[in-house]
Amino acid sequence: MAAAPRTSTSALEAELLSRGHEFSFFQAMRLLHLLALQQGEGSTPLHVYARPEASLAFPAGDVVNVERRDDGYRIDATFLGLYGSASPLPAFYSEEILAGASADKPAAREFLDIINHRLFALFYQCSLKYRLFYNLAQQERSECLVRLLCLIGMGSANSGEIAQRRELLRFAALLSHHPRSALGLAALLRQAFGVPADVIQCEPRQVAVPPDQRLKCGVSGCTLGEDAVLGCEVADRSGKFLVRLGPLDREQFAVLLPGSEAFRQLRSLVEIYLVDQLEWDVELIHRVEDLPATVLGCECGGRLGWDTWIAPDAVPAEPSVMFSGRG
């Protein structure tokens, strides 16, 4: 899968400085902390300051502007401060600060900003605490990963398994849904492998009858219409389903064959999603126009029962192979 395009550090900084009013306070603080951390490596650490806007006007958003300082960045916000339009203090405090700003006497504002900065810092930390995604992505906190894995029933795994199951978090919406359904499993496989997927329920199978439950005249299983069954097997449609993937091109088909890493992932995802221990088969459907011709000695294809077609022109409309999902 190709990586998503990312904005460079310099472009992101320029965006924040020129269009800071378009960002929410939390997002602006988060990005500025990341920029300060990155730019402060190996030198004097940079800081992010926050203060309220010195204005009594009705605010249009959380942030008024973002400025670059010698020791970091500063955000002018429109809420939570001890002066400004959202101040809980009497209005004359804000009026005095506005007058001081006009007369170039910022002492009162700078004093209150000592408290304001701490208020904004605590507000940001409280907001960050309950955003598990940011704690996991930025700070790599293992306890947050465990909490998220608990949503899909895997929080009790050991540390090694937890690291491996981190990729399952993108399927949390499907894995946390109960009861499990064929539509949910198909959606999970489509999202995981990026190919068409369908789940066929109630597939027929033959189930062996345990020896102690077989028909024995005068002993057991001999009541007609209730428990009498001829033979050692019975037909059943309640314990098996079929996973159909495709149509697939040649590369997708080869990647999903048994023995590959993708097939192991497929088996793992299905087993994780299942609640009941059902049997299941996999059917891979090959796209007709990409069907390869069998050539002796060629490394591509030629495996009997998997990707060998003697006469490609005479194949069915949906050439496919089927094998057990449980191996």
C-alpha atoms as a PDB file:
ATOM      1  CA  MET A   1       0.000   0.000   0.000  1.00  0.00           C
ATOM      2  CA  ALA A   2       1.393   3.380  -0.979  1.00  0.00           C
ATOM      3  CA  ALA A   3       2.097   5.838   1.811  1.00  0.00           C
ATOM      4  CA  ALA A   4      -0.296   8.734   2.216  1.00  0.00           C
ATOM      5  CA  PRO A   5       1.098  12.096   1.097  1.00  0.00           C
ATOM      6  CA  ARG A   6       2.460  14.109   4.011  1.00  0.00           C
ATOM      7  CA  THR A   7       3.042  17.833   4.392  1.00  0.00           C
ATOM      8  CA  SER A   8       6.691  18.773   4.957  1.00  0.00           C
ATOM      9  CA  THR A   9       7.740  20.393   8.229  1.00  0.00           C
ATOM     10  CA  SER A  10       8.469  23.779   6.657  1.00  0.00           C
ATOM     11  CA  ALA A  11       5.179  23.803   4.757  1.00  0.00           C
ATOM     12  CA  LEU A  12       3.259  22.840   7.890  1.00  0.00           C
ATOM     13  CA  GLU A  13       4.901  25.608   9.892  1.00  0.00           C
ATOM     14  CA  ALA A  14       4.130  28.146   7.174  1.00  0.00           C
ATOM     15  CA  GLU A  15       0.516  26.972   7.113  1.00  0.00           C
ATOM     16  CA  LEU A  16       0.162  27.399  10.859  1.00  0.00           C
ATOM     17  CA  LEU A  17       1.765  30.836  10.904  1.00  0.00           C
ATOM     18  CA  SER A  18      -0.264  32.191   7.992  1.00  0.00           C
ATOM     19  CA  ARG A  19      -3.593  30.430   8.580  1.00  0.00           C
ATOM     20  CA  GLY A  20      -3.544  29.626  12.266  1.00  0.00           C
ATOM     21  CA  HIS A  21      -7.078  30.943  12.732  1.00  0.00           C
ATOM     22  CA  GLU A  22      -8.381  28.049  10.618  1.00  0.00           C
ATOM     23  CA  PHE A  23      -7.083  25.419  13.074  1.00  0.00           C
ATOM     24  CA  SER A  24      -8.769  24.246  16.240  1.00  0.00           C
ATOM     25  CA  PHE A  25      -6.887  24.975  19.450  1.00  0.00           C
ATOM     26  CA  PHE A  26      -6.140  21.314  20.139  1.00  0.00           C
ATOM     27  CA  GLN A  27      -4.852  20.641  16.633  1.00  0.00           C
ATOM     28  CA  ALA A  28      -2.728  23.798  16.590  1.00  0.00           C
ATOM     29  CA  MET A  29      -1.176  22.962  19.967  1.00  0.00           C
ATOM     30  CA  ARG A  30      -0.518  19.371  18.922  1.00  0.00           C
ATOM     31  CA  LEU A  31       1.189  20.329  15.670  1.00  0.00           C
ATOM     32  CA  LEU A  32       3.224  23.093  17.294  1.00  0.00           C
ATOM     33  CA  HIS A  33       4.437  20.726  20.012  1.00  0.00           C
ATOM     34  CA  LEU A  34       5.568  18.293  17.316  1.00  0.00           C
ATOM     35  CA  LEU A  35       7.337  21.083  15.420  1.00  0.00           C
ATOM     36  CA  ALA A  36       8.994  22.357  18.591  1.00  0.00           C
ATOM     37  CA  LEU A  37      10.131  18.865  19.505  1.00  0.00           C
ATOM     38  CA  GLN A  38      11.567  18.238  16.059  1.00  0.00           C
ATOM     39  CA  GLN A  39      13.266  21.609  15.639  1.00  0.00           C
ATOM     40  CA  GLY A  40      14.592  21.655  19.208  1.00  0.00           C
ATOM     41  CA  GLU A  41      16.559  18.404  18.887  1.00  0.00           C
ATOM     42  CA  GLY A  42      20.250  18.926  19.580  1.00  0.00           C
ATOM     43  CA  SER A  43      19.815  22.596  20.532  1.00  0.00           C
ATOM     44  CA  THR A  44      17.936  24.786  22.952  1.00  0.00           C
ATOM     45  CA  PRO A  45      14.478  23.216  23.405  1.00  0.00           C
ATOM     46  CA  LEU A  46      11.592  25.172  21.942  1.00  0.00           C
ATOM     47  CA  HIS A  47       8.362  25.848  23.824  1.00  0.00           C
ATOM     48  CA  VAL A  48       4.751  26.470  22.900  1.00  0.00           C
ATOM     49  CA  TYR A  49       2.993  29.268  24.750  1.00  0.00           C
ATOM     50  CA  ALA A  50      -0.688  30.145  24.786  1.00  0.00           C
ATOM     51  CA  ARG A  51      -2.483  33.272  25.890  1.00  0.00           C
ATOM     52  CA  PRO A  52      -5.948  34.786  25.378  1.00  0.00           C
ATOM     53  CA  GLU A  53      -6.627  37.431  22.764  1.00  0.00           C
ATOM     54  CA  ALA A  54      -6.644  40.980  24.098  1.00  0.00           C
ATOM     55  CA  SER A  55     -10.025  41.855  22.653  1.00  0.00           C
ATOM     56  CA  LEU A  56     -13.671  42.093  23.667  1.00  0.00           C
ATOM     57  CA  ALA A  57     -14.931  41.231  20.183  1.00  0.00           C
ATOM     58  CA  PHE A  58     -17.063  38.141  19.563  1.00  0.00           C
ATOM     59  CA  PRO A  59     -14.651  35.295  18.677  1.00  0.00           C
ATOM     60  CA  ALA A  60     -14.866  33.651  15.258  1.00  0.00           C
ATOM     61  CA  GLY A  61     -12.919  30.552  16.273  1.00  0.00           C
ATOM     62  CA  ASP A  62     -10.683  28.936  18.878  1.00  0.00           C
ATOM     63  CA  VAL A  63      -7.463  30.489  17.573  1.00  0.00           C
ATOM     64  CA  VAL A  64      -6.795  34.046  16.433  1.00  0.00           C
ATOM     65  CA  ASN A  65      -3.237  33.642  15.202  1.00  0.00           C
ATOM     66  CA  VAL A  66       0.016  31.727  15.669  1.00  0.00           C
ATOM     67  CA  GLU A  67       3.358  33.523  16.010  1.00  0.00           C
ATOM     68  CA  ARG A  68       6.955  32.358  15.899  1.00  0.00           C
ATOM     69  CA  ARG A  69       9.203  33.470  18.786  1.00  0.00           C
ATOM     70  CA  ASP A  70      12.891  33.085  19.444  1.00  0.00           C
ATOM     71  CA  ASP A  71      12.212  30.395  22.034  1.00  0.00           C
ATOM     72  CA  GLY A  72       9.283  28.690  20.315  1.00  0.00           C
ATOM     73  CA  TYR A  73       5.723  29.485  19.275  1.00  0.00           C
ATOM     74  CA  ARG A  74       2.798  31.403  20.742  1.00  0.00           C
ATOM     75  CA  ILE A  75      -0.925  30.934  20.205  1.00  0.00           C
ATOM     76  CA  ASP A  76      -3.506  33.638  20.799  1.00  0.00           C
ATOM     77  CA  ALA A  77      -6.754  31.884  21.749  1.00  0.00           C
ATOM     78  CA  THR A  78     -10.268  33.197  22.307  1.00  0.00           C
ATOM     79  CA  PHE A  79     -11.345  31.227  25.381  1.00  0.00           C
ATOM     80  CA  LEU A  80     -10.356  30.247  28.914  1.00  0.00           C
ATOM     81  CA  GLY A  81      -8.260  33.337  29.691  1.00  0.00           C
ATOM     82  CA  LEU A  82      -8.359  35.801  32.580  1.00  0.00           C
ATOM     83  CA  TYR A  83      -8.946  38.658  30.158  1.00  0.00           C
ATOM     84  CA  GLY A  84     -10.698  39.003  26.835  1.00  0.00           C
ATOM     85  CA  SER A  85     -14.254  38.233  25.747  1.00  0.00           C
ATOM     86  CA  ALA A  86     -14.405  34.916  27.686  1.00  0.00           C
ATOM     87  CA  SER A  87     -12.860  36.193  30.916  1.00  0.00           C
ATOM     88  CA  PRO A  88     -14.690  35.377  34.187  1.00  0.00           C
ATOM     89  CA  LEU A  89     -13.226  38.545  35.761  1.00  0.00           C
ATOM     90  CA  PRO A  90     -14.896  41.971  35.657  1.00  0.00           C
ATOM     91  CA  ALA A  91     -14.595  43.748  32.319  1.00  0.00           C
ATOM     92  CA  PHE A  92     -12.353  46.533  33.655  1.00  0.00           C
ATOM     93  CA  TYR A  93      -9.440  44.066  33.835  1.00  0.00           C
ATOM     94  CA  SER A  94      -9.685  43.477  30.090  1.00  0.00           C
ATOM     95  CA  GLU A  95     -10.166  47.195  29.465  1.00  0.00           C
ATOM     96  CA  GLU A  96      -7.023  47.971  31.482  1.00  0.00           C
ATOM     97  CA  ILE A  97      -5.012  45.446  29.472  1.00  0.00           C
ATOM     98  CA  LEU A  98      -6.331  46.880  26.205  1.00  0.00           C
ATOM     99  CA  ALA A  99      -5.320  50.352  27.340  1.00  0.00           C
ATOM    100  CA  GLY A 100      -1.888  49.078  28.342  1.00  0.00           C
ATOM    101  CA  ALA A 101      -1.418  47.461  24.932  1.00  0.00           C
ATOM    102  CA  SER A 102      -2.216  50.772  23.229  1.00  0.00           C
ATOM    103  CA  ALA A 103       0.263  52.615  25.484  1.00  0.00           C
ATOM    104  CA  ASP A 104       2.930  49.930  25.089  1.00  0.00           C
ATOM    105  CA  LYS A 105       2.658  48.929  28.761  1.00  0.00           C
ATOM    106  CA  PRO A 106       2.191  45.149  28.711  1.00  0.00           C
ATOM    107  CA  ALA A 107       3.152  44.474  32.355  1.00  0.00           C
ATOM    108  CA  ALA A 108      -0.381  43.619  33.521  1.00  0.00           C
ATOM    109  CA  ARG A 109      -0.975  41.315  30.569  1.00  0.00           C
ATOM    110  CA  GLU A 110       2.359  39.551  30.970  1.00  0.00           C
ATOM    111  CA  PHE A 111       1.637  38.951  34.645  1.00  0.00           C
ATOM    112  CA  LEU A 112      -1.750  37.382  33.940  1.00  0.00           C
ATOM    113  CA  ASP A 113      -0.228  35.345  31.106  1.00  0.00           C
ATOM    114  CA  ILE A 114       1.843  33.470  33.680  1.00  0.00           C
ATOM    115  CA  ILE A 115      -1.450  31.994  34.909  1.00  0.00           C
ATOM    116  CA  ASN A 116      -3.067  31.881  31.467  1.00  0.00           C
ATOM    117  CA  HIS A 117      -0.295  29.766  29.972  1.00  0.00           C
ATOM    118  CA  ARG A 118      -0.688  27.181  32.720  1.00  0.00           C
ATOM    119  CA  LEU A 119      -4.463  27.100  32.220  1.00  0.00           C
ATOM    120  CA  PHE A 120      -4.076  26.466  28.502  1.00  0.00           C
ATOM    121  CA  ALA A 121      -1.382  23.842  29.111  1.00  0.00           C
ATOM    122  CA  LEU A 122      -3.636  21.952  31.524  1.00  0.00           C
ATOM    123  CA  PHE A 123      -6.556  22.218  29.109  1.00  0.00           C
ATOM    124  CA  TYR A 124      -4.437  20.732  26.319  1.00  0.00           C
ATOM    125  CA  GLN A 125      -3.166  17.911  28.540  1.00  0.00           C
ATOM    126  CA  CYS A 126      -6.718  17.051  29.604  1.00  0.00           C
ATOM    127  CA  SER A 127      -7.856  17.027  25.982  1.00  0.00           C
ATOM    128  CA  LEU A 128      -4.926  14.836  24.957  1.00  0.00           C
ATOM    129  CA  LYS A 129      -5.433  12.352  27.786  1.00  0.00           C
ATOM    130  CA  TYR A 130      -8.680  10.968  26.394  1.00  0.00           C
ATOM    131  CA  ARG A 131      -7.664  10.952  22.750  1.00  0.00           C
ATOM    132  CA  LEU A 132      -6.136   7.488  22.702  1.00  0.00           C
ATOM    133  CA  PHE A 133      -5.161   7.689  19.047  1.00  0.00           C
ATOM    134  CA  TYR A 134      -2.812  10.625  19.626  1.00  0.00           C
ATOM    135  CA  ASN A 135      -1.329   9.025  22.725  1.00  0.00           C
ATOM    136  CA  LEU A 136      -0.627   5.894  20.733  1.00  0.00           C
ATOM    137  CA  ALA A 137       0.618   7.508  17.521  1.00  0.00           C
ATOM    138  CA  GLN A 138       2.747  10.265  19.050  1.00  0.00           C
ATOM    139  CA  GLN A 139       3.905   9.005  22.413  1.00  0.00           C
ATOM    140  CA  GLU A 140       3.675   5.231  21.760  1.00  0.00           C
ATOM    141  CA  ARG A 141       2.209   4.604  25.198  1.00  0.00           C
ATOM    142  CA  SER A 142       1.733   0.869  25.668  1.00  0.00           C
ATOM    143  CA  GLU A 143      -1.121   1.270  28.159  1.00  0.00           C
ATOM    144  CA  CYS A 144      -3.154   3.104  25.506  1.00  0.00           C
ATOM    145  CA  LEU A 145      -2.541   0.260  23.080  1.00  0.00           C
ATOM    146  CA  VAL A 146      -3.799  -2.232  25.662  1.00  0.00           C
ATOM    147  CA  ARG A 147      -6.975  -0.188  26.206  1.00  0.00           C
ATOM    148  CA  LEU A 148      -7.711  -0.078  22.498  1.00  0.00           C
ATOM    149  CA  LEU A 149      -7.054  -3.805  22.139  1.00  0.00           C
ATOM    150  CA  CYS A 150      -9.552  -4.398  24.942  1.00  0.00           C
ATOM    151  CA  LEU A 151     -12.230  -3.015  22.613  1.00  0.00           C
ATOM    152  CA  ILE A 152     -11.653  -5.989  20.295  1.00  0.00           C
ATOM    153  CA  GLY A 153     -11.165  -8.541  23.057  1.00  0.00           C
ATOM    154  CA  MET A 154      -7.371  -8.805  22.909  1.00  0.00           C
ATOM    155  CA  GLY A 155      -6.218  -6.753  25.865  1.00  0.00           C
ATOM    156  CA  SER A 156      -5.069  -9.817  27.819  1.00  0.00           C
ATOM    157  CA  ALA A 157      -2.351 -10.811  25.328  1.00  0.00           C
ATOM    158  CA  ASN A 158       1.295 -10.692  26.377  1.00  0.00           C
ATOM    159  CA  SER A 159       3.579  -7.837  25.339  1.00  0.00           C
ATOM    160  CA  GLY A 160       4.904  -9.635  22.261  1.00  0.00           C
ATOM    161  CA  GLU A 161       1.431 -10.467  20.965  1.00  0.00           C
ATOM    162  CA  ILE A 162       0.194  -6.939  21.681  1.00  0.00           C
ATOM    163  CA  ALA A 163       2.864  -5.450  19.418  1.00  0.00           C
ATOM    164  CA  GLN A 164       1.874  -7.855  16.625  1.00  0.00           C
ATOM    165  CA  ARG A 165      -1.842  -7.141  17.012  1.00  0.00           C
ATOM    166  CA  ARG A 166      -1.474  -3.384  16.705  1.00  0.00           C
ATOM    167  CA  GLU A 167      -2.397  -3.671  13.008  1.00  0.00           C
ATOM    168  CA  LEU A 168      -5.801  -5.030  14.029  1.00  0.00           C
ATOM    169  CA  LEU A 169      -6.837  -1.678  15.488  1.00  0.00           C
ATOM    170  CA  ARG A 170      -7.965  -0.441  12.080  1.00  0.00           C
ATOM    171  CA  PHE A 171     -10.600  -3.200  12.165  1.00  0.00           C
ATOM    172  CA  ALA A 172     -11.810  -2.288  15.666  1.00  0.00           C
ATOM    173  CA  ALA A 173     -15.245  -1.167  14.441  1.00  0.00           C
ATOM    174  CA  LEU A 174     -15.872  -4.595  12.900  1.00  0.00           C
ATOM    175  CA  LEU A 175     -14.201  -6.716  15.575  1.00  0.00           C
ATOM    176  CA  SER A 176     -16.062  -4.997  18.421  1.00  0.00           C
ATOM    177  CA  HIS A 177     -19.473  -5.562  16.823  1.00  0.00           C
ATOM    178  CA  HIS A 178     -21.662  -8.408  18.094  1.00  0.00           C
ATOM    179  CA  PRO A 179     -23.143 -10.663  16.907  1.00  0.00           C
ATOM    180  CA  ARG A 180     -20.596 -11.481  14.212  1.00  0.00           C
ATOM    181  CA  SER A 181     -22.054 -11.719  10.715  1.00  0.00           C
ATOM    182  CA  ALA A 182     -21.149 -12.839   7.218  1.00  0.00           C
ATOM    183  CA  LEU A 183     -21.426  -9.241   6.005  1.00  0.00           C
ATOM    184  CA  GLY A 184     -19.018  -8.115   8.722  1.00  0.00           C
ATOM    185  CA  LEU A 185     -16.459 -10.778   7.809  1.00  0.00           C
ATOM    186  CA  ALA A 186     -16.704  -9.892   4.114  1.00  0.00           C
ATOM    187  CA  ALA A 187     -16.206  -6.197   4.904  1.00  0.00           C
ATOM    188  CA  LEU A 188     -13.202  -7.064   7.085  1.00  0.00           C
ATOM    189  CA  LEU A 189     -11.531  -9.059   4.295  1.00  0.00           C
ATOM    190  CA  ARG A 190     -12.254  -6.404   1.666  1.00  0.00           C
ATOM    191  CA  GLN A 191     -10.678  -3.762   3.865  1.00  0.00           C
ATOM    192  CA  ALA A 192      -7.679  -5.943   4.740  1.00  0.00           C
ATOM    193  CA  PHE A 193      -6.747  -7.161   1.252  1.00  0.00           C
ATOM    194  CA  GLY A 194      -8.349  -4.625  -1.071  1.00  0.00           C
ATOM    195  CA  VAL A 195     -10.058  -7.293  -3.221  1.00  0.00           C
ATOM    196  CA  PRO A 196     -13.722  -8.238  -3.747  1.00  0.00           C
ATOM    197  CA  ALA A 197     -14.849 -10.591  -0.984  1.00  0.00           C
ATOM    198  CA  ASP A 198     -18.044 -12.445  -0.203  1.00  0.00           C
ATOM    199  CA  VAL A 199     -19.054 -14.975   2.443  1.00  0.00           C
ATOM    200  CA  ILE A 200     -21.458 -17.784   1.504  1.00  0.00           C
ATOM    201  CA  GLN A 201     -23.267 -19.201   4.511  1.00  0.00           C
ATOM    202  CA  CYS A 202     -24.698 -22.667   5.181  1.00  0.00           C
ATOM    203  CA  GLU A 203     -22.354 -24.593   2.907  1.00  0.00           C
ATOM    204  CA  PRO A 204     -23.127 -28.346   2.723  1.00  0.00           C
ATOM    205  CA  ARG A 205     -20.758 -30.810   4.359  1.00  0.00           C
ATOM    206  CA  GLN A 206     -20.666 -34.382   5.633  1.00  0.00           C
ATOM    207  CA  VAL A 207     -20.255 -34.821   9.377  1.00  0.00           C
ATOM    208  CA  ALA A 208     -19.096 -38.072  10.920  1.00  0.00           C
ATOM    209  CA  VAL A 209     -21.448 -39.626  13.463  1.00  0.00           C
ATOM    210  CA  PRO A 210     -19.623 -40.627  16.677  1.00  0.00           C
ATOM    211  CA  PRO A 211     -19.457 -44.418  17.112  1.00  0.00           C
ATOM    212  CA  ASP A 212     -21.523 -44.361  20.312  1.00  0.00           C
ATOM    213  CA  GLN A 213     -24.346 -42.500  18.512  1.00  0.00           C
ATOM    214  CA  ARG A 214     -24.597 -44.697  15.408  1.00  0.00           C
ATOM    215  CA  LEU A 215     -27.518 -47.007  14.758  1.00  0.00           C
ATOM    216  CA  LYS A 216     -27.214 -50.280  16.609  1.00  0.00           C
ATOM    217  CA  CYS A 217     -30.313 -52.443  16.635  1.00  0.00           C
ATOM    218  CA  GLY A 218     -31.600 -52.791  20.147  1.00  0.00           C
ATOM    219  CA  VAL A 219     -28.782 -50.676  21.575  1.00  0.00           C
ATOM    220  CA  SER A 220     -28.856 -47.023  20.416  1.00  0.00           C
ATOM    221  CA  GLY A 221     -29.995 -44.745  17.623  1.00  0.00           C
ATOM    222  CA  CYS A 222     -32.770 -47.027  16.488  1.00  0.00           C
ATOM    223  CA  THR A 223     -35.887 -44.852  16.873  1.00  0.00           C
ATOM    224  CA  LEU A 224     -37.223 -44.118  13.391  1.00  0.00           C
ATOM    225  CA  GLY A 225     -37.900 -40.438  12.787  1.00  0.00           C
ATOM    226  CA  GLU A 226     -35.881 -39.318  15.802  1.00  0.00           C
ATOM    227  CA  ASP A 227     -32.308 -40.583  16.028  1.00  0.00           C
ATOM    228  CA  ALA A 228     -32.013 -43.402  13.501  1.00  0.00           C
ATOM    229  CA  VAL A 229     -29.382 -42.610  10.845  1.00  0.00           C
ATOM    230  CA  LEU A 230     -28.058 -45.058   8.255  1.00  0.00           C
ATOM    231  CA  GLY A 231     -24.322 -44.906   7.744  1.00  0.00           C
ATOM    232  CA  CYS A 232     -21.430 -43.176   9.472  1.00  0.00           C
ATOM    233  CA  GLU A 233     -22.044 -39.638   8.144  1.00  0.00           C
ATOM    234  CA  VAL A 234     -24.898 -37.150   7.946  1.00  0.00           C
ATOM    235  CA  ALA A 235     -25.440 -34.100   5.751  1.00  0.00           C
ATOM    236  CA  ASP A 236     -25.098 -30.770   7.567  1.00  0.00           C
ATOM    237  CA  ARG A 237     -25.476 -27.097   6.611  1.00  0.00           C
ATOM    238  CA  SER A 238     -25.011 -25.427   9.986  1.00  0.00           C
ATOM    239  CA  GLY A 239     -21.271 -25.691  10.546  1.00  0.00           C
ATOM    240  CA  LYS A 240     -19.490 -24.458   7.420  1.00  0.00           C
ATOM    241  CA  PHE A 241     -19.179 -21.364   5.243  1.00  0.00           C
ATOM    242  CA  LEU A 242     -17.258 -20.321   2.141  1.00  0.00           C
ATOM    243  CA  VAL A 243     -15.027 -17.277   1.693  1.00  0.00           C
ATOM    244  CA  ARG A 244     -14.959 -16.168  -1.952  1.00  0.00           C
ATOM    245  CA  LEU A 245     -12.266 -13.732  -3.051  1.00  0.00           C
ATOM    246  CA  GLY A 246     -12.215 -12.278  -6.520  1.00  0.00           C
ATOM    247  CA  PRO A 247     -12.137 -11.850  -9.408  1.00  0.00           C
ATOM    248  CA  LEU A 248      -8.372 -11.473  -8.881  1.00  0.00           C
ATOM    249  CA  ASP A 249      -5.622 -10.550 -11.293  1.00  0.00           C
ATOM    250  CA  ARG A 250      -2.615 -12.824 -11.698  1.00  0.00           C
ATOM    251  CA  GLU A 251      -0.539 -11.154  -8.974  1.00  0.00           C
ATOM    252  CA  GLN A 252      -3.368 -11.050  -6.414  1.00  0.00           C
ATOM    253  CA  PHE A 253      -4.213 -14.675  -7.122  1.00  0.00           C
ATOM    254  CA  ALA A 254      -0.627 -15.847  -6.586  1.00  0.00           C
ATOM    255  CA  VAL A 255      -0.222 -13.837  -3.382  1.00  0.00           C
ATOM    256  CA  LEU A 256      -3.299 -15.405  -1.744  1.00  0.00           C
ATOM    257  CA  LEU A 257      -2.452 -19.052  -2.451  1.00  0.00           C
ATOM    258  CA  PRO A 258      -1.733 -21.350   0.535  1.00  0.00           C
ATOM    259  CA  GLY A 259       1.755 -21.060   1.976  1.00  0.00           C
ATOM    260  CA  SER A 260       2.024 -17.309   1.402  1.00  0.00           C
ATOM    261  CA  GLU A 261       2.147 -14.618   4.074  1.00  0.00           C
ATOM    262  CA  ALA A 262      -1.123 -13.147   2.771  1.00  0.00           C
ATOM    263  CA  PHE A 263      -2.850 -16.507   3.177  1.00  0.00           C
ATOM    264  CA  ARG A 264      -1.597 -16.776   6.752  1.00  0.00           C
ATOM    265  CA  GLN A 265      -2.986 -13.305   7.410  1.00  0.00           C
ATOM    266  CA  LEU A 266      -6.291 -14.344   5.834  1.00  0.00           C
ATOM    267  CA  ARG A 267      -6.520 -17.408   8.056  1.00  0.00           C
ATOM    268  CA  SER A 268      -5.598 -15.372  11.136  1.00  0.00           C
ATOM    269  CA  LEU A 269      -8.208 -12.671  10.452  1.00  0.00           C
ATOM    270  CA  VAL A 270     -10.980 -15.202   9.877  1.00  0.00           C
ATOM    271  CA  GLU A 271     -10.109 -17.145  13.046  1.00  0.00           C
ATOM    272  CA  ILE A 272     -10.001 -13.922  15.075  1.00  0.00           C
ATOM    273  CA  TYR A 273     -13.383 -12.831  13.739  1.00  0.00           C
ATOM    274  CA  LEU A 274     -15.074 -16.181  14.350  1.00  0.00           C
ATOM    275  CA  VAL A 275     -16.802 -16.782  17.667  1.00  0.00           C
ATOM    276  CA  ASP A 276     -17.959 -20.339  16.935  1.00  0.00           C
ATOM    277  CA  GLN A 277     -15.508 -22.973  15.724  1.00  0.00           C
ATOM    278  CA  LEU A 278     -16.931 -23.353  12.228  1.00  0.00           C
ATOM    279  CA  GLU A 279     -15.310 -25.025   9.259  1.00  0.00           C
ATOM    280  CA  TRP A 280     -14.636 -22.863   6.256  1.00  0.00           C
ATOM    281  CA  ASP A 281     -13.218 -23.050   2.752  1.00  0.00           C
ATOM    282  CA  VAL A 282     -11.557 -20.430   0.580  1.00  0.00           C
ATOM    283  CA  GLU A 283     -12.357 -19.967  -3.097  1.00  0.00           C
ATOM    284  CA  LEU A 284     -10.037 -17.804  -5.195  1.00  0.00           C
ATOM    285  CA  ILE A 285     -11.592 -16.651  -8.459  1.00  0.00           C
ATOM    286  CA  HIS A 286      -9.128 -15.800 -11.235  1.00  0.00           C
ATOM    287  CA  ARG A 287      -9.927 -13.041 -13.685  1.00  0.00           C
ATOM    288  CA  VAL A 288     -10.466 -14.645 -17.098  1.00  0.00           C
ATOM    289  CA  GLU A 289      -8.551 -12.052 -19.103  1.00  0.00           C
ATOM    290  CA  ASP A 290      -5.469 -12.500 -16.881  1.00  0.00           C
ATOM    291  CA  LEU A 291      -5.511 -16.296 -16.964  1.00  0.00           C
ATOM    292  CA  PRO A 292      -1.981 -17.571 -17.737  1.00  0.00           C
ATOM    293  CA  ALA A 293      -1.249 -20.408 -20.124  1.00  0.00           C
ATOM    294  CA  THR A 294       0.653 -23.359 -18.669  1.00  0.00           C
ATOM    295  CA  VAL A 295       4.208 -23.608 -20.016  1.00  0.00           C
ATOM    296  CA  LEU A 296       6.460 -26.479 -18.969  1.00  0.00           C
ATOM    297  CA  GLY A 297       9.589 -25.279 -17.216  1.00  0.00           C
ATOM    298  CA  CYS A 298       8.179 -21.803 -16.571  1.00  0.00           C
ATOM    299  CA  GLU A 299       8.442 -20.547 -13.001  1.00  0.00           C
ATOM    300  CA  CYS A 300       5.141 -18.692 -13.256  1.00  0.00           C
ATOM    301  CA  GLY A 301       2.266 -21.044 -12.513  1.00  0.00           C
ATOM    302  CA  GLY A 302       2.253 -24.736 -13.286  1.00  0.00           C
ATOM    303  CA  ARG A 303       1.155 -25.958  -9.830  1.00  0.00           C
ATOM    304  CA  LEU A 304      -1.445 -28.668 -10.302  1.00  0.00           C
ATOM    305  CA  GLY A 305      -4.742 -27.892  -8.662  1.00  0.00           C
ATOM    306  CA  TRP A 306      -3.835 -24.263  -8.001  1.00  0.00           C
ATOM    307  CA  ASP A 307      -2.824 -22.255 -11.052  1.00  0.00           C
ATOM    308  CA  THR A 308      -2.688 -24.749 -13.924  1.00  0.00           C
ATOM    309  CA  TRP A 309      -5.114 -24.482 -16.842  1.00  0.00           C
ATOM    310  CA  ILE A 310      -4.341 -26.702 -19.843  1.00  0.00           C
ATOM    311  CA  ALA A 311      -6.632 -24.893 -22.256  1.00  0.00           C
ATOM    312  CA  PRO A 312      -7.220 -21.277 -21.222  1.00  0.00           C
ATOM    313  CA  ASP A 313      -9.683 -20.774 -24.074  1.00  0.00           C
ATOM    314  CA  ALA A 314     -11.966 -23.487 -22.705  1.00  0.00           C
ATOM    315  CA  VAL A 315     -12.036 -22.498 -19.033  1.00  0.00           C
ATOM    316  CA  PRO A 316     -15.318 -21.630 -17.277  1.00  0.00           C
ATOM    317  CA  ALA A 317     -16.551 -18.070 -16.919  1.00  0.00           C
ATOM    318  CA  GLU A 318     -15.139 -17.893 -13.387  1.00  0.00           C
ATOM    319  CA  PRO A 319     -12.029 -20.100 -13.137  1.00  0.00           C
ATOM    320  CA  SER A 320     -11.361 -20.748  -9.474  1.00  0.00           C
ATOM    321  CA  VAL A 321      -9.617 -22.980  -6.971  1.00  0.00           C
ATOM    322  CA  MET A 322     -10.937 -24.037  -3.592  1.00  0.00           C
ATOM    323  CA  PHE A 323      -9.166 -25.290  -0.496  1.00  0.00           C
ATOM    324  CA  SER A 324      -9.743 -25.590   3.224  1.00  0.00           C
ATOM    325  CA  GLY A 325      -9.216 -22.469   5.274  1.00  0.00           C
ATOM    326  CA  ARG A 326      -8.124 -24.377   8.354  1.00  0.00           C
ATOM    327  CA  GLY A 327      -5.410 -26.245   6.455  1.00  0.00           C
END
